[in-house]
């Protein structure tokens, strides 16, 4: 059994170690902010009426296949990551994020992604004659340094309609594009809930 004097000595030693550790921590510089982008979780996505969302692991590089409408636009660098999401039905989502070399580079990439999303319906129609497509600009969201939402609807002849929502977000040197998709039209898209998703994506980025 430890005696009172031994316990006192142990306490004194512990206090001394804690004091030394505190002094060392105070002297050490603050840890730099992580350059790795942060990602949405399944709970951040627009709720599905009859299915939970499932999230994959955050993985390095671009998804395969790349994100519809913005394929080829995000650079596949060491700072690029992605995460895929799914449900028990056709509704699915993805997030691709990258850390660029500078704020200027990030702003340029975000503008490129926004242009691709805005022009996607027209681009898709050129590649799919006889089909129909439409899009909508849902405006900006007060999140990060910039955040813009778009909707794209595609309908091949004699096939199902598809609707997509995109959020293009920049925060410092980081840029992310979030896509939500399912069978349907723009009228079916959960735009209001997706605004909340975009806000959370910016906060996590």
N, C-alpha and C. Protein backbone atom coordinates (compact mmCIF):
# COMPACT_ATOMS: atom_id res chain seq x y z
N UNK A 1 0.85 -1.19 0.00
CA UNK A 1 0.00 0.00 0.00
C UNK A 1 0.88 1.23 0.00
N UNK A 2 0.58 2.21 -0.86
CA UNK A 2 1.39 3.42 -0.95
C UNK A 2 1.17 4.27 0.29
N UNK A 3 2.24 4.78 0.90
CA UNK A 3 2.12 5.62 2.09
C UNK A 3 1.75 7.04 1.69
N UNK A 4 1.35 7.85 2.68
CA UNK A 4 0.96 9.23 2.42
C UNK A 4 2.12 10.01 1.82
N UNK A 5 3.35 9.78 2.35
CA UNK A 5 4.51 10.52 1.87
C UNK A 5 4.84 10.14 0.42
N UNK A 6 4.67 8.84 0.09
CA UNK A 6 4.94 8.41 -1.28
C UNK A 6 3.92 9.01 -2.23
N UNK A 7 2.65 9.05 -1.81
CA UNK A 7 1.61 9.64 -2.65
C UNK A 7 1.87 11.11 -2.86
N UNK A 8 2.34 11.79 -1.81
CA UNK A 8 2.64 13.21 -1.94
C UNK A 8 3.77 13.44 -2.92
N UNK A 9 4.78 12.57 -2.86
CA UNK A 9 5.91 12.71 -3.78
C UNK A 9 5.47 12.48 -5.21
N UNK A 10 4.59 11.48 -5.41
CA UNK A 10 4.10 11.20 -6.75
C UNK A 10 3.28 12.37 -7.29
N UNK A 11 2.47 12.97 -6.42
CA UNK A 11 1.66 14.12 -6.84
C UNK A 11 2.55 15.29 -7.23
N UNK A 12 3.58 15.53 -6.44
CA UNK A 12 4.50 16.63 -6.74
C UNK A 12 5.20 16.41 -8.07
N UNK A 13 5.58 15.15 -8.32
CA UNK A 13 6.25 14.84 -9.59
C UNK A 13 5.30 15.05 -10.76
N UNK A 14 4.04 14.65 -10.58
CA UNK A 14 3.06 14.81 -11.65
C UNK A 14 2.81 16.27 -11.95
N UNK A 15 2.74 17.09 -10.89
CA UNK A 15 2.54 18.53 -11.08
C UNK A 15 3.71 19.14 -11.83
N UNK A 16 4.92 18.69 -11.47
CA UNK A 16 6.12 19.21 -12.14
C UNK A 16 6.11 18.85 -13.62
N UNK A 17 5.72 17.60 -13.93
CA UNK A 17 5.66 17.18 -15.33
C UNK A 17 4.61 17.97 -16.09
N UNK A 18 3.44 18.20 -15.46
CA UNK A 18 2.37 18.95 -16.10
C UNK A 18 2.80 20.38 -16.37
N UNK A 19 3.50 20.98 -15.39
CA UNK A 19 3.99 22.35 -15.56
C UNK A 19 4.96 22.45 -16.72
N UNK A 20 5.88 21.46 -16.79
CA UNK A 20 6.86 21.46 -17.87
C UNK A 20 6.19 21.28 -19.22
N UNK A 21 5.19 20.39 -19.28
CA UNK A 21 4.48 20.14 -20.54
C UNK A 21 3.71 21.37 -20.98
N UNK A 22 3.10 22.08 -19.99
CA UNK A 22 2.35 23.29 -20.31
C UNK A 22 3.27 24.36 -20.86
N UNK A 23 4.46 24.49 -20.25
CA UNK A 23 5.42 25.48 -20.72
C UNK A 23 5.89 25.17 -22.12
N UNK A 24 6.12 23.88 -22.38
CA UNK A 24 6.55 23.47 -23.73
C UNK A 24 5.48 23.75 -24.76
N UNK A 25 4.22 23.45 -24.41
CA UNK A 25 3.11 23.68 -25.34
C UNK A 25 2.94 25.16 -25.62
N UNK A 26 3.13 25.99 -24.58
CA UNK A 26 2.99 27.43 -24.76
C UNK A 26 4.07 27.98 -25.68
N UNK A 27 5.27 27.39 -25.57
CA UNK A 27 6.38 27.87 -26.38
C UNK A 27 6.30 27.40 -27.81
N UNK A 28 5.61 26.27 -28.05
CA UNK A 28 5.54 25.71 -29.39
C UNK A 28 4.62 26.54 -30.27
N UNK A 29 4.93 26.70 -31.55
CA UNK A 29 4.05 27.45 -32.45
C UNK A 29 2.75 26.70 -32.69
N UNK A 30 1.69 27.45 -33.02
CA UNK A 30 0.40 26.83 -33.28
C UNK A 30 0.49 25.92 -34.50
N UNK A 31 -0.22 24.81 -34.44
CA UNK A 31 -0.20 23.86 -35.56
C UNK A 31 -0.83 24.51 -36.79
N UNK A 32 -0.24 24.33 -37.96
CA UNK A 32 -0.80 24.93 -39.16
C UNK A 32 -2.14 24.30 -39.51
N UNK A 33 -2.99 25.09 -40.15
CA UNK A 33 -4.29 24.58 -40.57
C UNK A 33 -4.11 23.49 -41.62
N UNK A 34 -4.87 22.42 -41.49
CA UNK A 34 -4.71 21.28 -42.40
C UNK A 34 -4.97 21.70 -43.84
N UNK A 35 -4.11 21.22 -44.73
CA UNK A 35 -4.30 21.50 -46.16
C UNK A 35 -5.26 20.51 -46.79
N UNK A 36 -5.61 19.45 -46.06
CA UNK A 36 -6.53 18.45 -46.59
C UNK A 36 -7.97 18.95 -46.46
N UNK A 37 -8.74 18.95 -47.54
CA UNK A 37 -10.12 19.44 -47.45
C UNK A 37 -10.97 18.59 -46.51
N UNK A 38 -11.93 19.24 -45.86
CA UNK A 38 -12.90 18.52 -45.04
C UNK A 38 -14.12 18.17 -45.88
N UNK A 39 -14.84 17.12 -45.49
CA UNK A 39 -15.93 16.61 -46.32
C UNK A 39 -17.26 16.53 -45.58
N UNK A 40 -18.32 16.54 -46.36
CA UNK A 40 -19.67 16.31 -45.84
C UNK A 40 -19.78 14.90 -45.28
N UNK A 41 -20.77 14.70 -44.42
CA UNK A 41 -21.14 13.36 -43.97
C UNK A 41 -22.54 13.07 -44.50
N UNK A 42 -22.98 11.84 -44.36
CA UNK A 42 -24.29 11.45 -44.88
C UNK A 42 -25.41 12.30 -44.29
N UNK A 43 -25.29 12.68 -43.03
CA UNK A 43 -26.33 13.47 -42.38
C UNK A 43 -26.45 14.89 -42.93
N UNK A 44 -25.46 15.33 -43.68
CA UNK A 44 -25.47 16.69 -44.22
C UNK A 44 -26.26 16.81 -45.52
N UNK A 45 -26.62 15.69 -46.12
CA UNK A 45 -27.30 15.71 -47.42
C UNK A 45 -28.80 15.90 -47.28
N UNK A 46 -29.48 16.37 -48.34
CA UNK A 46 -30.93 16.52 -48.28
C UNK A 46 -31.60 15.20 -47.89
N UNK A 47 -32.46 15.20 -46.89
CA UNK A 47 -33.08 13.95 -46.45
C UNK A 47 -33.83 13.25 -47.58
N UNK A 48 -33.72 11.92 -47.61
CA UNK A 48 -34.48 11.11 -48.56
C UNK A 48 -35.75 10.64 -47.85
N UNK A 49 -36.86 10.59 -48.60
CA UNK A 49 -38.15 10.28 -47.98
C UNK A 49 -38.21 8.90 -47.36
N UNK A 50 -37.53 7.91 -47.97
CA UNK A 50 -37.70 6.53 -47.52
C UNK A 50 -36.39 5.77 -47.33
N UNK A 51 -35.27 6.44 -47.37
CA UNK A 51 -33.99 5.74 -47.26
C UNK A 51 -32.98 6.58 -46.51
N UNK A 52 -32.13 5.93 -45.72
CA UNK A 52 -31.00 6.67 -45.15
C UNK A 52 -29.95 6.92 -46.24
N UNK A 53 -29.05 7.83 -45.97
CA UNK A 53 -27.88 8.03 -46.83
C UNK A 53 -26.73 7.19 -46.32
N UNK A 54 -25.93 6.68 -47.24
CA UNK A 54 -24.72 5.93 -46.89
C UNK A 54 -23.52 6.67 -47.45
N UNK A 55 -22.47 6.76 -46.68
CA UNK A 55 -21.27 7.49 -47.11
C UNK A 55 -20.10 6.54 -47.31
N UNK A 56 -19.34 6.78 -48.36
CA UNK A 56 -18.11 6.05 -48.56
C UNK A 56 -16.97 6.74 -47.85
N UNK A 57 -15.81 6.13 -47.88
CA UNK A 57 -14.64 6.74 -47.26
C UNK A 57 -14.14 7.89 -48.13
N UNK A 58 -13.49 8.85 -47.49
CA UNK A 58 -12.81 9.90 -48.24
C UNK A 58 -11.59 9.26 -48.91
N UNK A 59 -11.50 9.40 -50.22
CA UNK A 59 -10.43 8.75 -50.98
C UNK A 59 -9.63 9.78 -51.77
N UNK A 60 -8.36 9.50 -51.97
CA UNK A 60 -7.51 10.41 -52.73
C UNK A 60 -7.85 10.33 -54.22
N UNK A 61 -7.66 11.46 -54.89
CA UNK A 61 -7.87 11.51 -56.32
C UNK A 61 -9.31 11.78 -56.71
N UNK A 62 -9.60 11.60 -57.99
CA UNK A 62 -10.93 11.84 -58.54
C UNK A 62 -11.75 10.55 -58.55
N UNK A 63 -13.09 10.67 -58.50
CA UNK A 63 -13.92 9.46 -58.61
C UNK A 63 -13.87 8.91 -60.03
N UNK A 64 -14.20 7.64 -60.16
CA UNK A 64 -14.24 6.99 -61.47
C UNK A 64 -15.61 6.33 -61.63
N UNK A 65 -16.47 6.83 -62.51
CA UNK A 65 -16.23 7.94 -63.43
C UNK A 65 -16.24 9.29 -62.71
N UNK A 66 -15.70 10.29 -63.39
CA UNK A 66 -15.67 11.62 -62.81
C UNK A 66 -17.08 12.21 -62.74
N UNK A 67 -17.19 13.30 -61.99
CA UNK A 67 -18.50 13.91 -61.74
C UNK A 67 -19.12 14.46 -63.02
N UNK A 68 -20.38 14.09 -63.25
CA UNK A 68 -21.14 14.57 -64.40
C UNK A 68 -21.10 16.09 -64.46
N UNK A 69 -20.99 16.62 -65.64
CA UNK A 69 -20.95 18.06 -65.94
C UNK A 69 -19.60 18.71 -65.70
N UNK A 70 -18.82 18.23 -64.75
CA UNK A 70 -17.53 18.87 -64.47
C UNK A 70 -16.36 17.91 -64.68
N UNK A 71 -16.60 16.81 -65.40
CA UNK A 71 -15.52 15.85 -65.64
C UNK A 71 -14.39 16.53 -66.42
N UNK A 72 -13.17 16.31 -65.96
CA UNK A 72 -12.00 16.90 -66.59
C UNK A 72 -11.67 18.29 -66.09
N UNK A 73 -12.51 18.88 -65.25
CA UNK A 73 -12.29 20.25 -64.79
C UNK A 73 -11.47 20.33 -63.51
N UNK A 74 -11.62 19.35 -62.62
CA UNK A 74 -10.87 19.35 -61.36
C UNK A 74 -9.53 18.67 -61.59
N UNK A 75 -8.43 19.31 -61.23
CA UNK A 75 -7.11 18.69 -61.45
C UNK A 75 -6.91 17.49 -60.52
N UNK A 76 -6.33 16.43 -61.05
CA UNK A 76 -6.07 15.23 -60.25
C UNK A 76 -4.67 15.35 -59.65
N UNK A 77 -4.58 16.11 -58.56
CA UNK A 77 -3.30 16.37 -57.91
C UNK A 77 -3.25 15.66 -56.56
N UNK A 78 -2.12 15.82 -55.87
CA UNK A 78 -1.98 15.21 -54.54
C UNK A 78 -2.92 15.83 -53.52
N UNK A 79 -3.46 17.00 -53.83
CA UNK A 79 -4.38 17.67 -52.92
C UNK A 79 -5.84 17.45 -53.25
N UNK A 80 -6.13 16.50 -54.14
CA UNK A 80 -7.51 16.24 -54.57
C UNK A 80 -8.05 14.97 -53.90
N UNK A 81 -9.27 15.07 -53.39
CA UNK A 81 -9.93 13.95 -52.71
C UNK A 81 -11.39 13.90 -53.13
N UNK A 82 -12.04 12.76 -52.86
CA UNK A 82 -13.47 12.66 -53.16
C UNK A 82 -14.17 11.74 -52.16
N UNK A 83 -15.48 11.88 -52.09
CA UNK A 83 -16.32 10.99 -51.28
C UNK A 83 -17.62 10.76 -52.02
N UNK A 84 -18.10 9.52 -52.04
CA UNK A 84 -19.34 9.15 -52.70
C UNK A 84 -20.41 8.80 -51.67
N UNK A 85 -21.66 9.08 -52.02
CA UNK A 85 -22.80 8.81 -51.15
C UNK A 85 -23.89 8.09 -51.94
N UNK A 86 -24.66 7.26 -51.26
CA UNK A 86 -25.74 6.56 -51.93
C UNK A 86 -26.92 6.32 -51.01
N UNK A 87 -28.02 5.86 -51.59
CA UNK A 87 -29.22 5.49 -50.83
C UNK A 87 -29.67 4.11 -51.30
N UNK A 88 -30.78 3.65 -50.77
CA UNK A 88 -31.34 2.37 -51.21
C UNK A 88 -32.00 2.49 -52.58
N UNK A 89 -32.08 3.69 -53.10
CA UNK A 89 -32.74 3.92 -54.39
C UNK A 89 -31.75 4.56 -55.37
N UNK A 90 -32.25 5.24 -56.39
CA UNK A 90 -31.35 5.81 -57.39
C UNK A 90 -30.71 7.11 -56.94
N UNK A 91 -31.19 7.71 -55.88
CA UNK A 91 -30.64 8.98 -55.40
C UNK A 91 -29.21 8.78 -54.91
N UNK A 92 -28.31 9.61 -55.38
CA UNK A 92 -26.91 9.51 -54.98
C UNK A 92 -26.26 10.89 -54.99
N UNK A 93 -25.07 10.97 -54.47
CA UNK A 93 -24.37 12.26 -54.38
C UNK A 93 -22.87 12.02 -54.36
N UNK A 94 -22.14 13.08 -54.61
CA UNK A 94 -20.68 13.00 -54.56
C UNK A 94 -20.12 14.35 -54.16
N UNK A 95 -18.92 14.33 -53.64
CA UNK A 95 -18.18 15.56 -53.34
C UNK A 95 -16.74 15.37 -53.77
N UNK A 96 -16.24 16.31 -54.53
CA UNK A 96 -14.83 16.35 -54.92
C UNK A 96 -14.26 17.65 -54.40
N UNK A 97 -13.10 17.59 -53.77
CA UNK A 97 -12.48 18.79 -53.22
C UNK A 97 -10.98 18.76 -53.50
N UNK A 98 -10.42 19.94 -53.68
CA UNK A 98 -8.99 20.03 -53.95
C UNK A 98 -8.41 21.28 -53.30
N UNK A 99 -7.15 21.19 -52.93
CA UNK A 99 -6.42 22.33 -52.40
C UNK A 99 -5.49 22.84 -53.49
N UNK A 100 -5.64 24.10 -53.85
CA UNK A 100 -4.85 24.69 -54.93
C UNK A 100 -3.62 25.40 -54.37
N UNK A 101 -2.80 25.93 -55.28
CA UNK A 101 -1.55 26.57 -54.87
C UNK A 101 -1.75 27.97 -54.31
N UNK A 102 -2.85 28.61 -54.62
CA UNK A 102 -3.07 29.99 -54.18
C UNK A 102 -4.55 30.32 -54.23
N UNK A 103 -4.91 31.43 -53.59
CA UNK A 103 -6.29 31.90 -53.63
C UNK A 103 -6.68 32.23 -55.07
N UNK A 104 -5.76 32.82 -55.82
CA UNK A 104 -6.03 33.15 -57.22
C UNK A 104 -6.34 31.89 -58.03
N UNK A 105 -5.56 30.84 -57.82
CA UNK A 105 -5.80 29.58 -58.53
C UNK A 105 -7.13 28.97 -58.12
N UNK A 106 -7.47 29.07 -56.84
CA UNK A 106 -8.75 28.54 -56.36
C UNK A 106 -9.92 29.29 -56.97
N UNK A 107 -9.79 30.61 -57.04
CA UNK A 107 -10.86 31.42 -57.63
C UNK A 107 -11.04 31.09 -59.11
N UNK A 108 -9.94 30.87 -59.80
CA UNK A 108 -10.01 30.51 -61.23
C UNK A 108 -10.68 29.15 -61.42
N UNK A 109 -10.34 28.18 -60.56
CA UNK A 109 -10.94 26.86 -60.66
C UNK A 109 -12.43 26.91 -60.35
N UNK A 110 -12.81 27.67 -59.31
CA UNK A 110 -14.23 27.78 -58.95
C UNK A 110 -15.03 28.39 -60.10
N UNK A 111 -14.46 29.39 -60.76
CA UNK A 111 -15.14 30.00 -61.91
C UNK A 111 -15.29 29.00 -63.05
N UNK A 112 -14.27 28.19 -63.27
CA UNK A 112 -14.32 27.18 -64.32
C UNK A 112 -15.40 26.15 -64.03
N UNK A 113 -15.49 25.70 -62.79
CA UNK A 113 -16.50 24.72 -62.41
C UNK A 113 -17.90 25.30 -62.53
N UNK A 114 -18.06 26.57 -62.13
CA UNK A 114 -19.36 27.22 -62.25
C UNK A 114 -19.78 27.32 -63.72
N UNK A 115 -18.84 27.67 -64.58
CA UNK A 115 -19.14 27.75 -66.01
C UNK A 115 -19.55 26.39 -66.57
N UNK A 116 -18.87 25.34 -66.11
CA UNK A 116 -19.19 23.99 -66.60
C UNK A 116 -20.59 23.57 -66.15
N UNK A 117 -20.94 23.89 -64.91
CA UNK A 117 -22.27 23.54 -64.42
C UNK A 117 -23.35 24.32 -65.16
N UNK A 118 -23.10 25.61 -65.38
CA UNK A 118 -24.08 26.45 -66.06
C UNK A 118 -24.25 26.05 -67.53
N UNK A 119 -23.18 25.57 -68.15
CA UNK A 119 -23.25 25.21 -69.56
C UNK A 119 -23.51 23.74 -69.80
N UNK A 120 -23.72 22.96 -68.75
CA UNK A 120 -23.81 21.51 -68.88
C UNK A 120 -24.98 21.06 -69.74
N UNK A 121 -26.16 21.66 -69.56
CA UNK A 121 -27.33 21.23 -70.32
C UNK A 121 -27.10 21.40 -71.82
N UNK A 122 -26.54 22.55 -72.21
CA UNK A 122 -26.28 22.80 -73.63
C UNK A 122 -25.20 21.86 -74.16
N UNK A 123 -24.16 21.65 -73.36
CA UNK A 123 -23.09 20.73 -73.78
C UNK A 123 -23.62 19.32 -73.96
N UNK A 124 -24.45 18.89 -73.03
CA UNK A 124 -25.00 17.54 -73.08
C UNK A 124 -25.90 17.36 -74.30
N UNK A 125 -26.69 18.39 -74.62
CA UNK A 125 -27.57 18.31 -75.78
C UNK A 125 -26.79 18.17 -77.08
N UNK A 126 -25.65 18.84 -77.17
CA UNK A 126 -24.84 18.72 -78.37
C UNK A 126 -24.33 17.29 -78.57
N UNK A 127 -24.09 16.61 -77.44
CA UNK A 127 -23.60 15.23 -77.52
C UNK A 127 -24.72 14.21 -77.62
N UNK A 128 -25.96 14.65 -77.38
CA UNK A 128 -27.11 13.73 -77.38
C UNK A 128 -28.25 14.33 -78.20
N UNK A 129 -28.09 14.41 -79.50
CA UNK A 129 -29.15 14.98 -80.35
C UNK A 129 -30.46 14.19 -80.21
N UNK A 130 -31.56 14.94 -80.23
CA UNK A 130 -32.87 14.32 -80.07
C UNK A 130 -33.32 14.26 -78.63
N UNK A 131 -32.44 14.61 -77.70
CA UNK A 131 -32.79 14.61 -76.28
C UNK A 131 -33.28 15.99 -75.87
N UNK A 132 -33.69 16.12 -74.62
CA UNK A 132 -34.05 17.42 -74.07
C UNK A 132 -33.26 17.65 -72.80
N UNK A 133 -33.00 18.91 -72.50
CA UNK A 133 -32.26 19.26 -71.29
C UNK A 133 -32.58 20.69 -70.90
N UNK A 134 -32.45 20.99 -69.63
CA UNK A 134 -32.69 22.34 -69.14
C UNK A 134 -31.82 22.56 -67.90
N UNK A 135 -31.73 23.79 -67.49
CA UNK A 135 -30.92 24.08 -66.31
C UNK A 135 -31.49 25.29 -65.60
N UNK A 136 -31.05 25.50 -64.37
CA UNK A 136 -31.47 26.68 -63.62
C UNK A 136 -30.31 27.15 -62.76
N UNK A 137 -30.24 28.45 -62.58
CA UNK A 137 -29.25 29.07 -61.70
C UNK A 137 -29.96 29.42 -60.41
N UNK A 138 -29.59 28.74 -59.32
CA UNK A 138 -30.26 28.97 -58.05
C UNK A 138 -29.55 30.01 -57.19
N UNK A 139 -28.57 30.68 -57.76
CA UNK A 139 -27.95 31.79 -57.08
C UNK A 139 -26.88 31.39 -56.08
N UNK A 140 -26.46 32.37 -55.32
CA UNK A 140 -25.35 32.18 -54.39
C UNK A 140 -25.86 31.82 -53.00
N UNK A 141 -24.94 31.31 -52.22
CA UNK A 141 -25.17 30.99 -50.81
C UNK A 141 -24.10 31.71 -50.01
N UNK A 142 -24.48 32.29 -48.90
CA UNK A 142 -23.50 32.97 -48.06
C UNK A 142 -22.71 31.93 -47.27
N UNK A 143 -21.68 31.41 -47.90
CA UNK A 143 -20.87 30.35 -47.29
C UNK A 143 -19.48 30.39 -47.90
N UNK A 144 -18.46 30.18 -47.08
CA UNK A 144 -17.10 30.23 -47.58
C UNK A 144 -16.80 31.59 -48.17
N UNK A 145 -15.90 31.63 -49.16
CA UNK A 145 -15.61 32.88 -49.87
C UNK A 145 -16.52 33.05 -51.07
N UNK A 146 -17.03 31.94 -51.59
CA UNK A 146 -18.02 31.99 -52.66
C UNK A 146 -18.71 30.63 -52.73
N UNK A 147 -19.99 30.66 -53.05
CA UNK A 147 -20.76 29.41 -53.19
C UNK A 147 -21.92 29.68 -54.13
N UNK A 148 -22.08 28.83 -55.14
CA UNK A 148 -23.11 29.03 -56.16
C UNK A 148 -23.78 27.70 -56.45
N UNK A 149 -25.11 27.74 -56.62
CA UNK A 149 -25.89 26.52 -56.86
C UNK A 149 -26.48 26.51 -58.27
N UNK A 150 -26.49 25.33 -58.86
CA UNK A 150 -27.05 25.14 -60.20
C UNK A 150 -27.87 23.85 -60.23
N UNK A 151 -28.84 23.81 -61.14
CA UNK A 151 -29.61 22.60 -61.38
C UNK A 151 -29.56 22.23 -62.85
N UNK A 152 -29.45 20.94 -63.15
CA UNK A 152 -29.39 20.46 -64.53
C UNK A 152 -30.34 19.28 -64.69
N UNK A 153 -31.20 19.36 -65.72
CA UNK A 153 -32.14 18.27 -66.02
C UNK A 153 -31.82 17.72 -67.40
N UNK A 154 -31.75 16.40 -67.52
CA UNK A 154 -31.49 15.75 -68.81
C UNK A 154 -32.52 14.66 -69.05
N UNK A 155 -32.88 14.49 -70.33
CA UNK A 155 -33.88 13.48 -70.68
C UNK A 155 -33.57 12.91 -72.06
N UNK A 156 -32.92 11.75 -72.12
CA UNK A 156 -32.71 11.08 -73.40
C UNK A 156 -34.06 10.64 -73.97
N UNK A 157 -34.18 10.51 -75.28
CA UNK A 157 -35.46 10.08 -75.86
C UNK A 157 -35.86 8.69 -75.37
N UNK A 158 -37.12 8.57 -74.99
CA UNK A 158 -37.68 7.30 -74.53
C UNK A 158 -36.87 6.69 -73.38
N UNK A 159 -36.44 7.55 -72.48
CA UNK A 159 -35.69 7.09 -71.31
C UNK A 159 -36.06 7.95 -70.11
N UNK A 160 -35.52 7.60 -68.94
CA UNK A 160 -35.88 8.30 -67.73
C UNK A 160 -35.26 9.70 -67.68
N UNK A 161 -35.93 10.58 -66.96
CA UNK A 161 -35.41 11.92 -66.73
C UNK A 161 -34.40 11.86 -65.59
N UNK A 162 -33.41 12.72 -65.64
CA UNK A 162 -32.44 12.81 -64.56
C UNK A 162 -32.27 14.25 -64.12
N UNK A 163 -32.18 14.47 -62.82
CA UNK A 163 -32.01 15.82 -62.29
C UNK A 163 -30.77 15.85 -61.41
N UNK A 164 -30.01 16.92 -61.53
CA UNK A 164 -28.78 17.09 -60.76
C UNK A 164 -28.75 18.47 -60.12
N UNK A 165 -28.23 18.53 -58.91
CA UNK A 165 -27.94 19.80 -58.26
C UNK A 165 -26.44 19.87 -58.03
N UNK A 166 -25.88 21.06 -58.24
CA UNK A 166 -24.45 21.27 -58.05
C UNK A 166 -24.22 22.46 -57.13
N UNK A 167 -23.25 22.33 -56.25
CA UNK A 167 -22.77 23.45 -55.44
C UNK A 167 -21.28 23.59 -55.70
N UNK A 168 -20.87 24.76 -56.15
CA UNK A 168 -19.45 25.06 -56.38
C UNK A 168 -19.03 26.05 -55.30
N UNK A 169 -18.06 25.64 -54.49
CA UNK A 169 -17.71 26.40 -53.29
C UNK A 169 -16.20 26.64 -53.24
N UNK A 170 -15.84 27.87 -52.88
CA UNK A 170 -14.42 28.17 -52.63
C UNK A 170 -14.26 28.71 -51.22
N UNK A 171 -13.20 28.26 -50.56
CA UNK A 171 -12.87 28.75 -49.23
C UNK A 171 -11.35 28.82 -49.14
N UNK A 172 -10.81 30.03 -49.23
CA UNK A 172 -9.36 30.17 -49.25
C UNK A 172 -8.78 29.53 -50.50
N UNK A 173 -7.83 28.63 -50.30
CA UNK A 173 -7.21 27.94 -51.44
C UNK A 173 -7.91 26.63 -51.79
N UNK A 174 -9.00 26.33 -51.09
CA UNK A 174 -9.72 25.07 -51.32
C UNK A 174 -10.98 25.29 -52.14
N UNK A 175 -11.25 24.32 -53.01
CA UNK A 175 -12.44 24.37 -53.86
C UNK A 175 -13.13 23.02 -53.80
N UNK A 176 -14.45 23.03 -53.73
CA UNK A 176 -15.18 21.77 -53.74
C UNK A 176 -16.41 21.89 -54.63
N UNK A 177 -16.79 20.78 -55.24
CA UNK A 177 -18.04 20.71 -55.99
C UNK A 177 -18.84 19.53 -55.44
N UNK A 178 -20.07 19.81 -55.05
CA UNK A 178 -20.97 18.80 -54.50
C UNK A 178 -22.07 18.55 -55.52
N UNK A 179 -22.35 17.29 -55.79
CA UNK A 179 -23.41 16.93 -56.73
C UNK A 179 -24.42 16.03 -56.04
N UNK A 180 -25.70 16.34 -56.23
CA UNK A 180 -26.82 15.49 -55.79
C UNK A 180 -27.59 15.10 -57.05
N UNK A 181 -28.04 13.84 -57.16
CA UNK A 181 -28.71 13.41 -58.39
C UNK A 181 -29.72 12.31 -58.11
N UNK A 182 -30.78 12.29 -58.93
CA UNK A 182 -31.76 11.21 -58.91
C UNK A 182 -32.61 11.29 -60.18
N UNK A 183 -33.48 10.32 -60.40
CA UNK A 183 -34.43 10.38 -61.50
C UNK A 183 -35.48 11.45 -61.18
N UNK A 184 -35.80 12.28 -62.18
CA UNK A 184 -36.79 13.32 -61.95
C UNK A 184 -36.51 14.56 -62.77
N UNK A 185 -37.18 15.65 -62.41
CA UNK A 185 -37.03 16.92 -63.10
C UNK A 185 -36.58 17.98 -62.10
N UNK A 186 -36.35 19.19 -62.59
CA UNK A 186 -35.93 20.26 -61.70
C UNK A 186 -36.97 20.57 -60.63
N UNK A 187 -38.25 20.32 -60.96
CA UNK A 187 -39.31 20.56 -59.98
C UNK A 187 -39.21 19.59 -58.80
N UNK A 188 -38.55 18.47 -59.00
CA UNK A 188 -38.40 17.47 -57.93
C UNK A 188 -37.18 17.73 -57.05
N UNK A 189 -36.32 18.63 -57.44
CA UNK A 189 -35.05 18.81 -56.74
C UNK A 189 -35.23 19.53 -55.40
N UNK A 190 -34.58 19.05 -54.34
CA UNK A 190 -34.69 19.66 -53.01
C UNK A 190 -33.74 20.86 -52.86
N UNK A 191 -34.05 21.92 -53.58
CA UNK A 191 -33.13 23.06 -53.65
C UNK A 191 -32.88 23.68 -52.27
N UNK A 192 -33.93 23.88 -51.50
CA UNK A 192 -33.78 24.51 -50.19
C UNK A 192 -32.87 23.68 -49.27
N UNK A 193 -33.10 22.38 -49.23
CA UNK A 193 -32.26 21.50 -48.40
C UNK A 193 -30.83 21.46 -48.92
N UNK A 194 -30.67 21.56 -50.23
CA UNK A 194 -29.33 21.53 -50.81
C UNK A 194 -28.56 22.81 -50.47
N UNK A 195 -29.27 23.91 -50.28
CA UNK A 195 -28.61 25.14 -49.82
C UNK A 195 -27.95 24.90 -48.46
N UNK A 196 -28.68 24.20 -47.60
CA UNK A 196 -28.12 23.87 -46.28
C UNK A 196 -26.91 22.96 -46.43
N UNK A 197 -26.99 22.01 -47.35
CA UNK A 197 -25.85 21.13 -47.63
C UNK A 197 -24.64 21.94 -48.07
N UNK A 198 -24.86 22.91 -48.94
CA UNK A 198 -23.76 23.75 -49.43
C UNK A 198 -23.13 24.54 -48.29
N UNK A 199 -23.96 25.05 -47.40
CA UNK A 199 -23.44 25.80 -46.25
C UNK A 199 -22.58 24.90 -45.36
N UNK A 200 -23.03 23.67 -45.15
CA UNK A 200 -22.26 22.73 -44.34
C UNK A 200 -20.97 22.32 -45.05
N UNK A 201 -21.02 22.18 -46.37
CA UNK A 201 -19.82 21.83 -47.12
C UNK A 201 -18.76 22.91 -46.98
N UNK A 202 -19.18 24.17 -47.03
CA UNK A 202 -18.24 25.27 -46.86
C UNK A 202 -17.65 25.29 -45.46
N UNK A 203 -18.49 25.03 -44.47
CA UNK A 203 -18.01 25.02 -43.08
C UNK A 203 -17.00 23.90 -42.85
N UNK A 204 -17.23 22.75 -43.46
CA UNK A 204 -16.33 21.61 -43.27
C UNK A 204 -15.06 21.70 -44.12
N UNK A 205 -15.12 22.47 -45.21
CA UNK A 205 -14.02 22.53 -46.15
C UNK A 205 -12.74 23.03 -45.50
